[in-house]
Protein backbone atom coordinates (compact mmCIF):
# COMPACT_ATOMS: atom_id res chain seq x y z
CA MET A 1 15.70 49.05 104.09
CA LEU A 2 14.20 46.04 102.31
CA LEU A 3 14.41 42.60 103.87
CA GLU A 4 14.97 39.35 102.00
CA LEU A 5 12.64 36.45 102.80
CA ASN A 6 15.53 34.35 104.07
CA GLN A 7 16.17 37.00 106.72
CA LEU A 8 12.76 36.44 108.31
CA ILE A 9 12.46 33.96 111.15
CA VAL A 10 8.99 32.85 112.25
CA LYS A 11 9.12 30.70 115.36
CA ALA A 12 6.88 27.65 115.66
CA GLY A 13 3.48 28.64 116.99
CA HIS A 14 3.75 32.22 115.72
CA GLN A 15 2.61 34.19 112.71
CA LEU A 16 3.95 37.16 110.79
CA LEU A 17 1.77 39.73 109.02
CA ILE A 18 3.15 41.87 106.19
CA LYS A 19 0.95 44.62 104.75
CA ASP A 20 0.90 46.40 101.38
CA VAL A 21 1.90 43.28 99.44
CA SER A 22 0.78 43.29 95.81
CA TRP A 23 -0.66 40.25 94.06
CA SER A 24 2.45 39.87 91.92
CA ALA A 25 4.66 40.12 95.03
CA TYR A 26 2.55 37.48 96.78
CA LYS A 27 2.99 35.11 93.82
CA ARG A 28 6.75 35.76 93.75
CA ILE A 29 6.98 35.01 97.48
CA LEU A 30 5.10 31.72 97.00
CA ALA A 31 7.47 30.74 94.20
CA GLU A 32 10.55 31.72 96.22
CA LEU A 33 9.46 29.82 99.33
CA GLY A 34 8.59 26.75 97.26
CA ASP A 35 6.55 23.74 98.29
CA ASN A 36 9.05 22.10 100.65
CA ARG A 37 8.50 24.31 103.68
CA SER A 38 6.92 23.98 107.10
CA SER A 39 5.31 27.43 107.07
CA ARG A 40 1.90 28.19 105.59
CA ILE A 41 0.87 31.26 103.62
CA GLY A 42 -2.33 33.28 103.57
CA TYR A 43 -3.11 36.38 101.52
CA SER A 44 -6.05 38.78 101.50
CA GLN A 45 -6.43 42.31 100.16
CA GLY A 46 -2.72 43.13 100.32
CA VAL A 47 -1.98 41.48 103.69
CA LEU A 48 0.38 38.49 103.64
CA GLU A 49 0.36 36.06 106.57
CA ILE A 50 3.15 33.57 107.25
CA MET A 51 2.41 30.93 109.93
CA ALA A 52 4.70 28.34 111.51
CA PRO A 53 2.71 25.50 113.12
CA LEU A 54 3.49 23.62 116.34
CA PRO A 55 3.69 19.78 116.49
CA GLU A 56 0.34 19.81 118.36
CA HIS A 57 -1.13 21.63 115.38
CA GLU A 58 0.13 19.01 112.93
CA VAL A 59 -1.15 16.08 115.02
CA ALA A 60 -4.67 17.55 115.20
CA LYS A 61 -4.63 18.28 111.47
CA VAL A 62 -3.72 14.70 110.55
CA ILE A 63 -6.15 12.99 112.94
CA ILE A 64 -9.14 15.20 112.01
CA GLY A 65 -8.37 14.71 108.32
CA ASP A 66 -8.17 10.94 108.79
CA LEU A 67 -11.49 10.92 110.66
CA VAL A 68 -13.14 12.80 107.80
CA LYS A 69 -11.73 10.29 105.30
CA VAL A 70 -13.15 7.36 107.31
CA LEU A 71 -16.53 9.10 107.45
CA LEU A 72 -16.55 9.74 103.70
CA GLU A 73 -15.51 6.16 102.95
CA GLU A 74 -18.26 4.65 105.08
CA LEU A 75 -20.87 7.03 103.63
CA ASP A 76 -19.62 5.95 100.19
CA LEU A 77 -18.98 9.53 99.11
CA GLU A 78 -16.26 10.09 96.53
CA PHE A 79 -13.77 12.72 97.66
CA TRP A 80 -10.45 14.28 96.83
CA SER A 81 -8.22 15.37 99.71
CA LEU A 82 -5.78 18.12 98.76
CA GLY A 83 -4.24 18.86 102.16
CA SER A 84 -2.53 22.26 102.35
CA THR A 85 -2.67 23.00 98.63
CA THR A 86 -2.37 26.70 97.78
CA PHE A 87 -5.70 28.10 96.56
CA ASP A 88 -5.79 31.62 95.22
CA LYS A 89 -7.77 33.80 92.87
CA GLU A 90 -6.44 37.04 91.45
CA SER A 91 -9.90 38.46 90.74
CA MET A 92 -10.69 38.10 94.47
CA ASP A 93 -7.21 39.25 95.58
CA ALA A 94 -7.07 36.34 98.02
CA GLY A 95 -5.09 33.16 98.62
CA VAL A 96 -5.01 30.54 101.33
CA GLU A 97 -3.34 27.27 102.32
CA PRO A 98 -5.77 25.34 104.56
CA ASP A 99 -4.53 22.81 107.07
CA ASP A 100 -6.63 20.29 105.18
CA CYS A 101 -9.38 20.44 102.57
CA PHE A 102 -11.71 18.17 100.67
CA TYR A 103 -13.58 18.18 97.40
CA ILE A 104 -16.77 16.20 97.99
CA GLN A 105 -19.83 17.55 96.16
CA ASN A 106 -17.53 18.95 93.46
CA GLU A 107 -15.12 16.00 93.42
CA ALA A 108 -16.12 14.92 89.91
CA ARG A 109 -15.35 18.39 88.53
CA ILE A 110 -11.70 18.31 89.61
CA ARG A 111 -11.08 14.55 89.44
CA GLY A 112 -7.76 13.76 87.78
CA LYS A 113 -6.59 17.37 87.59
CA ASP A 114 -2.98 18.06 88.51
CA ARG A 115 -3.61 21.76 89.04
CA ILE A 116 -6.63 23.68 90.32
CA ASN A 117 -7.45 27.10 88.87
CA LEU A 118 -10.09 28.87 90.94
CA GLU A 119 -10.79 31.23 88.06
CA THR A 120 -12.53 28.29 86.38
CA ASP A 121 -12.63 25.47 88.97
CA PRO A 122 -14.73 25.39 92.16
CA PRO A 123 -13.10 25.88 95.58
CA PRO A 124 -12.88 22.96 98.05
CA ASP A 125 -16.22 22.00 99.59
CA LEU A 126 -14.68 21.70 103.05
CA ALA A 127 -11.65 23.40 104.60
CA ILE A 128 -10.21 22.58 108.03
CA GLU A 129 -8.11 24.95 110.12
CA ILE A 130 -6.30 24.20 113.39
CA ASP A 131 -6.46 27.38 115.46
CA ILE A 132 -4.32 26.35 118.42
CA THR A 133 -1.79 29.18 118.16
CA SER A 134 -3.62 31.69 115.96
CA ARG A 135 -7.17 32.48 114.91
CA THR A 136 -8.11 31.84 111.30
CA ARG A 137 -9.54 34.90 109.63
CA PHE A 138 -12.54 34.47 107.38
CA ASN A 139 -11.46 36.98 104.70
CA ASN A 140 -9.62 34.61 102.36
CA TYR A 141 -12.13 31.78 102.63
CA GLN A 142 -15.11 34.09 102.10
CA ALA A 143 -13.44 35.66 99.08
CA LEU A 144 -12.74 32.23 97.59
CA ARG A 145 -16.31 31.06 98.38
CA VAL A 146 -15.39 27.91 100.32
CA PRO A 147 -18.83 26.55 101.39
CA GLU A 148 -17.85 25.08 104.77
CA LEU A 149 -15.00 25.83 107.18
CA TRP A 150 -14.17 23.92 110.36
CA ARG A 151 -11.95 25.44 113.06
CA TRP A 152 -10.45 23.42 115.92
CA ASN A 153 -9.04 25.46 118.83
CA GLY A 154 -7.66 22.58 120.87
CA SER A 155 -10.84 21.85 122.78
CA LYS A 156 -13.77 22.79 120.56
CA LEU A 157 -14.70 22.25 116.92
CA GLU A 158 -16.50 25.16 115.29
CA ILE A 159 -18.46 24.79 112.06
CA ASN A 160 -18.94 27.79 109.79
CA VAL A 161 -21.08 27.68 106.65
CA LEU A 162 -21.17 30.24 103.86
CA PHE A 163 -24.46 32.11 103.59
CA ASP A 164 -24.92 35.14 101.31
CA GLY A 165 -21.14 35.47 101.05
CA LYS A 166 -20.55 35.48 104.82
CA TYR A 167 -19.81 32.73 107.33
CA ILE A 168 -22.31 31.93 110.02
CA GLY A 169 -21.77 29.54 112.91
CA SER A 170 -23.69 26.29 112.74
CA ASN A 171 -24.31 23.41 115.12
CA ALA A 172 -24.40 21.00 112.19
CA SER A 173 -22.39 20.34 109.07
CA TYR A 174 -24.20 20.87 105.75
CA ILE A 175 -22.00 18.14 104.27
CA PHE A 176 -22.72 15.62 107.05
CA PRO A 177 -26.15 16.73 108.33
CA ASN A 178 -26.94 13.46 110.12
CA VAL A 179 -23.67 13.22 112.06
CA SER A 180 -22.99 15.19 115.26
CA ILE A 181 -19.67 16.48 113.95
CA CYS A 182 -19.04 18.99 116.75
CA GLN A 183 -19.26 16.22 119.34
CA VAL A 184 -17.88 13.14 117.62
CA ILE A 185 -14.75 14.59 115.97
CA PRO A 186 -13.36 16.04 119.26
CA LYS A 187 -14.25 12.80 121.07
CA TYR A 188 -12.19 10.61 118.75
CA LEU A 189 -9.39 13.16 118.40
CA ILE A 190 -8.93 13.11 122.18
CA LEU A 191 -9.23 9.31 122.18
CA SER A 192 -6.33 9.05 119.75
CA LYS A 193 -4.00 10.61 122.35
CA THR A 194 -4.46 7.64 124.67
CA ASN A 195 -5.47 4.75 122.40
CA GLY A 196 -3.30 5.52 119.37
CA ARG A 197 -4.16 6.44 115.81
CA ASN A 198 -5.02 3.00 114.40
CA ALA A 199 -7.20 1.90 117.31
CA THR A 200 -9.05 5.21 117.17
CA MET A 201 -9.77 4.92 113.45
CA LYS A 202 -11.07 1.37 113.90
CA ALA A 203 -13.35 2.47 116.73
CA PHE A 204 -14.61 5.46 114.73
CA ARG A 205 -15.26 3.32 111.67
CA ALA A 206 -17.24 0.83 113.79
CA TRP A 207 -19.27 3.70 115.26
CA ILE A 208 -20.07 5.09 111.82
CA ILE A 209 -21.09 1.67 110.45
CA GLN A 210 -23.40 1.14 113.41
CA LYS A 211 -24.87 4.62 113.09
CA ILE A 212 -25.62 4.52 109.37
CA SER A 213 -27.29 1.12 109.71
CA SER A 214 -29.65 2.35 112.42
CA PRO A 215 -33.35 2.89 111.48
CA ILE A 216 -33.20 6.52 112.72
CA TYR A 217 -30.28 7.40 110.44
CA LEU A 218 -31.88 5.71 107.45
CA LYS A 219 -35.07 7.66 108.07
CA LEU A 220 -33.16 10.97 108.27
CA SER A 221 -31.32 10.13 105.08
């Protein structure tokens, strides 16, 4: 018996895995589900993953993304934030919808584009996943060659960088080598829960401005 997509119910905080899904079926499912949905889709080597996030997941995604934007603005780095855009590549048989993502080093190459085609365009330079209810698998991101992946599990931020086609854990971000990302992002994310979003962003911006004007930072740069 075959099931229709509208018969499937994925509760918030849960995920559903469907195996033996062809590339063409994956693309049909994406089209049928459309863009106006709360669930997120992942695809790798015939396995389709449907995830339904919790409110806690969404809050962390927004705050971390906003902190990254403040950091990029104060470092005067051009960037393009594409949120949970669907990225896929048929030749790699993989697709993913990150919680958030940024073009930074490759921003100029995709600037002004309405659609990204990973067959010819580069992948995002940074992807962010919130792993509060499920653990992000590396398969899709490795296949798509995303250089840096951050994973937040609710208490710890993990940085993974692509090396020889595989992710390795790192204590530092290759994109922000002079900023203690694993310490400062969790600190201000937690602060936002008591001080509010706007006050937190102002405090973080002030911290960044002070840091980048320090003689030690200038010497490292």
